[in-house]
Amino acid sequence: MLKKIKNENQLVKEAIRVGIIYAEKRGVAKFEATDSAHDKIEYIYRLLVHDKLLQPLPKQHEDERNMKHKLALWISRQLPEDHELLQ
């Protein structure tokens, strides 16, 4: 069972925002406004795993909830300690 992170939904939104910038700067993706949140989450998760910035989930746990949790953990480590989402 995953431990709920404080502000997890907002952290996931921030992880998607930052992940999109990261992917586009790397030149590996161009996101459209019509792309679903699920597609963005999965793509960013897989890109970060590929770039060895995230530990991959075991295959049987690769679902949206767990990917969102991993992205929230990832972004929480990128933000400054005093960031409002970490309070």
N, C-alpha and C. Protein backbone atom coordinates (compact mmCIF):
# COMPACT_ATOMS: atom_id res chain seq x y z
N MET A 1 0.84 -1.20 0.00
CA MET A 1 0.00 0.00 0.00
C MET A 1 0.88 1.25 0.00
N LEU A 2 0.57 2.17 -0.88
CA LEU A 2 1.33 3.40 -0.98
C LEU A 2 0.95 4.38 0.13
N LYS A 3 1.95 5.01 0.68
CA LYS A 3 1.69 6.02 1.69
C LYS A 3 1.28 7.31 0.96
N LYS A 4 0.14 7.84 1.33
CA LYS A 4 -0.36 9.06 0.69
C LYS A 4 0.59 10.22 0.99
N ILE A 5 0.91 10.96 -0.03
CA ILE A 5 1.78 12.12 0.12
C ILE A 5 0.89 13.35 0.28
N LYS A 6 1.31 14.24 1.16
CA LYS A 6 0.58 15.49 1.33
C LYS A 6 0.61 16.27 0.01
N ASN A 7 -0.53 16.81 -0.40
CA ASN A 7 -0.65 17.58 -1.64
C ASN A 7 -0.33 16.74 -2.89
N GLU A 8 -0.60 15.43 -2.83
CA GLU A 8 -0.19 14.56 -3.94
C GLU A 8 -0.80 14.99 -5.27
N ASN A 9 -2.08 15.35 -5.29
CA ASN A 9 -2.71 15.74 -6.56
C ASN A 9 -2.05 16.97 -7.17
N GLN A 10 -1.74 17.96 -6.33
CA GLN A 10 -1.07 19.17 -6.83
C GLN A 10 0.36 18.85 -7.27
N LEU A 11 1.02 17.95 -6.54
CA LEU A 11 2.38 17.55 -6.93
C LEU A 11 2.36 16.83 -8.28
N VAL A 12 1.35 16.01 -8.51
CA VAL A 12 1.24 15.32 -9.80
C VAL A 12 1.04 16.34 -10.92
N LYS A 13 0.21 17.33 -10.69
CA LYS A 13 0.01 18.39 -11.71
C LYS A 13 1.32 19.10 -12.02
N GLU A 14 2.08 19.40 -10.96
CA GLU A 14 3.37 20.07 -11.15
C GLU A 14 4.35 19.13 -11.86
N ALA A 15 4.33 17.85 -11.53
CA ALA A 15 5.22 16.88 -12.19
C ALA A 15 4.89 16.78 -13.69
N ILE A 16 3.60 16.82 -14.02
CA ILE A 16 3.21 16.80 -15.43
C ILE A 16 3.72 18.06 -16.13
N ARG A 17 3.54 19.20 -15.49
CA ARG A 17 3.99 20.47 -16.08
C ARG A 17 5.50 20.44 -16.34
N VAL A 18 6.26 20.05 -15.33
CA VAL A 18 7.72 20.00 -15.45
C VAL A 18 8.14 18.89 -16.40
N GLY A 19 7.46 17.75 -16.34
CA GLY A 19 7.78 16.63 -17.22
C GLY A 19 7.59 16.96 -18.69
N ILE A 20 6.54 17.71 -18.99
CA ILE A 20 6.29 18.14 -20.37
C ILE A 20 7.44 19.03 -20.85
N ILE A 21 7.85 19.97 -20.02
CA ILE A 21 8.97 20.86 -20.39
C ILE A 21 10.23 20.03 -20.62
N TYR A 22 10.48 19.08 -19.71
CA TYR A 22 11.66 18.21 -19.83
C TYR A 22 11.63 17.43 -21.14
N ALA A 23 10.51 16.80 -21.45
CA ALA A 23 10.38 15.99 -22.66
C ALA A 23 10.55 16.84 -23.92
N GLU A 24 9.94 18.02 -23.91
CA GLU A 24 10.02 18.88 -25.10
C GLU A 24 11.43 19.45 -25.27
N LYS A 25 12.11 19.79 -24.16
CA LYS A 25 13.50 20.28 -24.26
C LYS A 25 14.43 19.18 -24.77
N ARG A 26 14.14 17.93 -24.40
CA ARG A 26 14.94 16.81 -24.90
C ARG A 26 14.63 16.53 -26.36
N GLY A 27 13.53 17.09 -26.85
CA GLY A 27 13.16 16.88 -28.24
C GLY A 27 12.53 15.52 -28.50
N VAL A 28 12.01 14.87 -27.45
CA VAL A 28 11.46 13.52 -27.63
C VAL A 28 9.94 13.51 -27.70
N ALA A 29 9.30 14.64 -27.40
CA ALA A 29 7.83 14.66 -27.41
C ALA A 29 7.34 16.08 -27.62
N LYS A 30 6.15 16.14 -28.20
CA LYS A 30 5.42 17.41 -28.32
C LYS A 30 4.01 17.09 -27.85
N PHE A 31 3.61 17.70 -26.76
CA PHE A 31 2.29 17.42 -26.20
C PHE A 31 1.26 18.39 -26.76
N GLU A 32 0.05 17.90 -26.90
CA GLU A 32 -1.07 18.70 -27.37
C GLU A 32 -2.03 18.93 -26.21
N ALA A 33 -2.81 19.98 -26.30
CA ALA A 33 -3.80 20.27 -25.26
C ALA A 33 -4.83 19.14 -25.15
N THR A 34 -5.01 18.43 -26.25
CA THR A 34 -6.01 17.35 -26.27
C THR A 34 -5.49 16.03 -25.70
N ASP A 35 -4.19 15.95 -25.40
CA ASP A 35 -3.64 14.72 -24.81
C ASP A 35 -4.25 14.52 -23.43
N SER A 36 -4.64 13.29 -23.13
CA SER A 36 -5.26 13.02 -21.83
C SER A 36 -4.21 13.06 -20.72
N ALA A 37 -4.66 13.34 -19.51
CA ALA A 37 -3.76 13.33 -18.34
C ALA A 37 -3.13 11.96 -18.22
N HIS A 38 -3.92 10.91 -18.45
CA HIS A 38 -3.39 9.54 -18.36
C HIS A 38 -2.22 9.35 -19.32
N ASP A 39 -2.38 9.79 -20.56
CA ASP A 39 -1.30 9.63 -21.55
C ASP A 39 -0.06 10.42 -21.14
N LYS A 40 -0.26 11.63 -20.63
CA LYS A 40 0.88 12.45 -20.19
C LYS A 40 1.60 11.78 -19.03
N ILE A 41 0.83 11.29 -18.06
CA ILE A 41 1.41 10.64 -16.88
C ILE A 41 2.23 9.42 -17.31
N GLU A 42 1.64 8.59 -18.15
CA GLU A 42 2.35 7.37 -18.58
C GLU A 42 3.60 7.72 -19.38
N TYR A 43 3.51 8.67 -20.29
CA TYR A 43 4.66 9.04 -21.11
C TYR A 43 5.79 9.59 -20.25
N ILE A 44 5.44 10.53 -19.36
CA ILE A 44 6.47 11.16 -18.52
C ILE A 44 7.10 10.13 -17.59
N TYR A 45 6.28 9.27 -17.00
CA TYR A 45 6.80 8.20 -16.14
C TYR A 45 7.81 7.35 -16.93
N ARG A 46 7.41 6.89 -18.12
CA ARG A 46 8.29 6.01 -18.90
C ARG A 46 9.56 6.73 -19.35
N LEU A 47 9.46 8.01 -19.69
CA LEU A 47 10.64 8.78 -20.07
C LEU A 47 11.60 8.91 -18.89
N LEU A 48 11.09 9.22 -17.71
CA LEU A 48 11.95 9.39 -16.53
C LEU A 48 12.60 8.06 -16.14
N VAL A 49 11.87 6.95 -16.30
CA VAL A 49 12.46 5.63 -16.05
C VAL A 49 13.56 5.37 -17.08
N HIS A 50 13.26 5.64 -18.35
CA HIS A 50 14.24 5.44 -19.43
C HIS A 50 15.51 6.24 -19.18
N ASP A 51 15.37 7.47 -18.69
CA ASP A 51 16.52 8.35 -18.43
C ASP A 51 17.14 8.09 -17.07
N LYS A 52 16.66 7.05 -16.39
CA LYS A 52 17.17 6.63 -15.08
C LYS A 52 17.01 7.71 -14.01
N LEU A 53 15.95 8.50 -14.13
CA LEU A 53 15.63 9.51 -13.12
C LEU A 53 14.59 8.97 -12.14
N LEU A 54 14.00 7.84 -12.48
CA LEU A 54 13.01 7.18 -11.61
C LEU A 54 13.30 5.69 -11.60
N GLN A 55 13.11 5.06 -10.43
CA GLN A 55 13.17 3.61 -10.34
C GLN A 55 11.87 3.07 -10.96
N PRO A 56 11.95 2.09 -11.85
CA PRO A 56 10.71 1.55 -12.43
C PRO A 56 9.88 0.80 -11.40
N LEU A 57 8.59 0.85 -11.58
CA LEU A 57 7.68 0.05 -10.77
C LEU A 57 7.75 -1.39 -11.25
N PRO A 58 7.50 -2.36 -10.35
CA PRO A 58 7.37 -3.75 -10.84
C PRO A 58 6.23 -3.79 -11.86
N LYS A 59 6.40 -4.60 -12.90
CA LYS A 59 5.41 -4.64 -14.00
C LYS A 59 3.97 -4.79 -13.50
N GLN A 60 3.75 -5.64 -12.49
CA GLN A 60 2.39 -5.86 -12.01
C GLN A 60 1.80 -4.65 -11.28
N HIS A 61 2.64 -3.65 -10.98
CA HIS A 61 2.16 -2.44 -10.29
C HIS A 61 2.17 -1.22 -11.20
N GLU A 62 2.37 -1.42 -12.49
CA GLU A 62 2.38 -0.30 -13.44
C GLU A 62 0.95 0.11 -13.78
N ASP A 63 0.34 0.90 -12.91
CA ASP A 63 -0.98 1.45 -13.21
C ASP A 63 -0.93 2.96 -12.95
N GLU A 64 -1.98 3.63 -13.35
CA GLU A 64 -1.97 5.10 -13.27
C GLU A 64 -1.75 5.60 -11.84
N ARG A 65 -2.41 4.97 -10.87
CA ARG A 65 -2.28 5.42 -9.48
C ARG A 65 -0.82 5.36 -9.01
N ASN A 66 -0.16 4.26 -9.31
CA ASN A 66 1.24 4.10 -8.89
C ASN A 66 2.17 5.02 -9.67
N MET A 67 1.90 5.23 -10.97
CA MET A 67 2.72 6.15 -11.76
C MET A 67 2.58 7.57 -11.22
N LYS A 68 1.35 7.97 -10.88
CA LYS A 68 1.13 9.30 -10.31
C LYS A 68 1.90 9.46 -9.01
N HIS A 69 1.89 8.41 -8.18
CA HIS A 69 2.59 8.43 -6.90
C HIS A 69 4.10 8.62 -7.14
N LYS A 70 4.66 7.87 -8.10
CA LYS A 70 6.08 7.99 -8.42
C LYS A 70 6.41 9.39 -8.92
N LEU A 71 5.54 9.96 -9.76
CA LEU A 71 5.78 11.31 -10.26
C LEU A 71 5.72 12.33 -9.13
N ALA A 72 4.79 12.15 -8.20
CA ALA A 72 4.68 13.07 -7.05
C ALA A 72 5.96 13.00 -6.21
N LEU A 73 6.46 11.79 -5.99
CA LEU A 73 7.72 11.64 -5.23
C LEU A 73 8.87 12.31 -5.98
N TRP A 74 8.93 12.08 -7.30
CA TRP A 74 10.01 12.66 -8.11
C TRP A 74 10.00 14.18 -8.03
N ILE A 75 8.85 14.80 -8.25
CA ILE A 75 8.80 16.27 -8.26
C ILE A 75 9.05 16.82 -6.86
N SER A 76 8.63 16.10 -5.83
CA SER A 76 8.85 16.59 -4.46
C SER A 76 10.34 16.68 -4.15
N ARG A 77 11.15 15.85 -4.83
CA ARG A 77 12.60 15.91 -4.63
C ARG A 77 13.26 16.99 -5.50
N GLN A 78 12.53 17.50 -6.50
CA GLN A 78 13.09 18.54 -7.38
C GLN A 78 12.80 19.94 -6.84
N LEU A 79 11.76 20.06 -6.04
CA LEU A 79 11.34 21.38 -5.55
C LEU A 79 12.21 21.83 -4.38
N PRO A 80 12.36 23.16 -4.23
CA PRO A 80 13.09 23.64 -3.04
C PRO A 80 12.34 23.26 -1.77
N GLU A 81 13.09 23.06 -0.68
CA GLU A 81 12.49 22.61 0.59
C GLU A 81 11.34 23.49 1.08
N ASP A 82 11.41 24.78 0.79
CA ASP A 82 10.39 25.70 1.29
C ASP A 82 9.23 25.90 0.31
N HIS A 83 9.18 25.09 -0.75
CA HIS A 83 8.09 25.22 -1.74
C HIS A 83 6.74 24.97 -1.08
N GLU A 84 5.75 25.75 -1.50
CA GLU A 84 4.41 25.67 -0.87
C GLU A 84 3.79 24.27 -0.94
N LEU A 85 4.08 23.49 -1.99
CA LEU A 85 3.50 22.15 -2.11
C LEU A 85 4.12 21.16 -1.13
N LEU A 86 5.25 21.50 -0.55
CA LEU A 86 5.92 20.61 0.40
C LEU A 86 5.58 20.95 1.84
N GLN A 87 4.78 21.99 2.03
CA GLN A 87 4.46 22.42 3.41
C GLN A 87 3.29 21.62 3.96
